[in-house]
Amino acid sequence: MIELSEQQIIDQLAQRLADAHATVEPDRVAAVVHAQYARFEGRPIRDFIPLFVERSAKAELTRLGV
């Protein structure tokens, strides 16, 4: 089994969301994802961070109307 690092998972998430929101510049989607990811910096339990980042990034992209 290949295990991905948390950063690799976040990068893949940014790519998936960029693909899903084709009308938005990929750099902007990545910025939203990384801003949401930064909110969890220093948190001791890391298991669900990618899920939380995905949910909050999707909500932010929806809020921005994209």
C-alpha atoms as a PDB file:
ATOM      1  CA  MET A   1       0.000   0.000   0.000  1.00  0.00           C
ATOM      2  CA  ILE A   2       1.308   3.448  -0.924  1.00  0.00           C
ATOM      3  CA  GLU A   3       0.784   6.050   1.747  1.00  0.00           C
ATOM      4  CA  LEU A   4       0.487   9.672   0.699  1.00  0.00           C
ATOM      5  CA  SER A   5       1.715  12.544   2.810  1.00  0.00           C
ATOM      6  CA  GLU A   6      -0.786  15.067   4.077  1.00  0.00           C
ATOM      7  CA  GLN A   7       0.655  17.682   1.715  1.00  0.00           C
ATOM      8  CA  GLN A   8       0.242  15.351  -1.273  1.00  0.00           C
ATOM      9  CA  ILE A   9      -3.389  14.782  -0.312  1.00  0.00           C
ATOM     10  CA  ILE A  10      -3.985  18.549  -0.038  1.00  0.00           C
ATOM     11  CA  ASP A  11      -2.345  19.112  -3.434  1.00  0.00           C
ATOM     12  CA  GLN A  12      -4.555  16.435  -4.995  1.00  0.00           C
ATOM     13  CA  LEU A  13      -7.586  18.007  -3.341  1.00  0.00           C
ATOM     14  CA  ALA A  14      -6.683  21.396  -4.842  1.00  0.00           C
ATOM     15  CA  GLN A  15      -6.404  19.776  -8.277  1.00  0.00           C
ATOM     16  CA  ARG A  16      -9.757  17.997  -7.902  1.00  0.00           C
ATOM     17  CA  LEU A  17     -11.490  21.206  -6.863  1.00  0.00           C
ATOM     18  CA  ALA A  18      -9.816  23.117  -9.702  1.00  0.00           C
ATOM     19  CA  ASP A  19     -11.126  20.501 -12.134  1.00  0.00           C
ATOM     20  CA  ALA A  20     -14.611  20.765 -10.614  1.00  0.00           C
ATOM     21  CA  HIS A  21     -14.548  24.579 -10.775  1.00  0.00           C
ATOM     22  CA  ALA A  22     -13.201  25.014 -14.274  1.00  0.00           C
ATOM     23  CA  THR A  23     -14.368  28.646 -14.457  1.00  0.00           C
ATOM     24  CA  VAL A  24     -11.997  29.592 -11.645  1.00  0.00           C
ATOM     25  CA  GLU A  25      -8.279  30.010 -12.105  1.00  0.00           C
ATOM     26  CA  PRO A  26      -6.499  26.964 -10.657  1.00  0.00           C
ATOM     27  CA  ASP A  27      -4.202  29.282  -8.684  1.00  0.00           C
ATOM     28  CA  ARG A  28      -7.210  30.854  -6.975  1.00  0.00           C
ATOM     29  CA  VAL A  29      -8.646  27.435  -6.073  1.00  0.00           C
ATOM     30  CA  ALA A  30      -5.240  26.389  -4.719  1.00  0.00           C
ATOM     31  CA  ALA A  31      -5.074  29.596  -2.679  1.00  0.00           C
ATOM     32  CA  VAL A  32      -8.476  28.865  -1.127  1.00  0.00           C
ATOM     33  CA  VAL A  33      -7.473  25.278  -0.341  1.00  0.00           C
ATOM     34  CA  HIS A  34      -4.146  26.302   1.188  1.00  0.00           C
ATOM     35  CA  ALA A  35      -5.778  29.083   3.220  1.00  0.00           C
ATOM     36  CA  GLN A  36      -8.222  26.559   4.660  1.00  0.00           C
ATOM     37  CA  TYR A  37      -5.386  24.114   5.276  1.00  0.00           C
ATOM     38  CA  ALA A  38      -3.421  26.770   7.174  1.00  0.00           C
ATOM     39  CA  ARG A  39      -6.296  27.050   9.662  1.00  0.00           C
ATOM     40  CA  PHE A  40      -5.430  23.571  10.930  1.00  0.00           C
ATOM     41  CA  GLU A  41      -1.711  24.155  11.393  1.00  0.00           C
ATOM     42  CA  GLY A  42      -0.488  22.946  14.763  1.00  0.00           C
ATOM     43  CA  ARG A  43      -3.535  20.823  15.477  1.00  0.00           C
ATOM     44  CA  PRO A  44      -2.415  17.562  17.094  1.00  0.00           C
ATOM     45  CA  ILE A  45      -4.895  15.158  15.478  1.00  0.00           C
ATOM     46  CA  ARG A  46      -4.298  15.097  11.733  1.00  0.00           C
ATOM     47  CA  ASP A  47      -6.452  12.178  10.517  1.00  0.00           C
ATOM     48  CA  PHE A  48      -9.397  14.204   9.244  1.00  0.00           C
ATOM     49  CA  ILE A  49      -7.658  17.439   8.235  1.00  0.00           C
ATOM     50  CA  PRO A  50      -7.965  16.774   4.464  1.00  0.00           C
ATOM     51  CA  LEU A  51     -11.702  16.138   4.863  1.00  0.00           C
ATOM     52  CA  PHE A  52     -12.173  19.339   6.868  1.00  0.00           C
ATOM     53  CA  VAL A  53     -10.124  21.300   4.340  1.00  0.00           C
ATOM     54  CA  GLU A  54     -12.168  19.922   1.441  1.00  0.00           C
ATOM     55  CA  ARG A  55     -15.473  20.804   3.097  1.00  0.00           C
ATOM     56  CA  SER A  56     -14.421  24.298   4.084  1.00  0.00           C
ATOM     57  CA  ALA A  57     -12.775  25.007   0.693  1.00  0.00           C
ATOM     58  CA  LYS A  58     -15.928  23.881  -1.149  1.00  0.00           C
ATOM     59  CA  ALA A  59     -18.025  26.115   1.109  1.00  0.00           C
ATOM     60  CA  GLU A  60     -15.690  29.056   0.488  1.00  0.00           C
ATOM     61  CA  LEU A  61     -15.755  28.544  -3.291  1.00  0.00           C
ATOM     62  CA  THR A  62     -19.566  28.346  -3.153  1.00  0.00           C
ATOM     63  CA  ARG A  63     -19.706  31.495  -1.013  1.00  0.00           C
ATOM     64  CA  LEU A  64     -17.550  33.283  -3.576  1.00  0.00           C
ATOM     65  CA  GLY A  65     -20.079  32.263  -6.201  1.00  0.00           C
ATOM     66  CA  VAL A  66     -17.769  30.134  -8.256  1.00  0.00           C
END
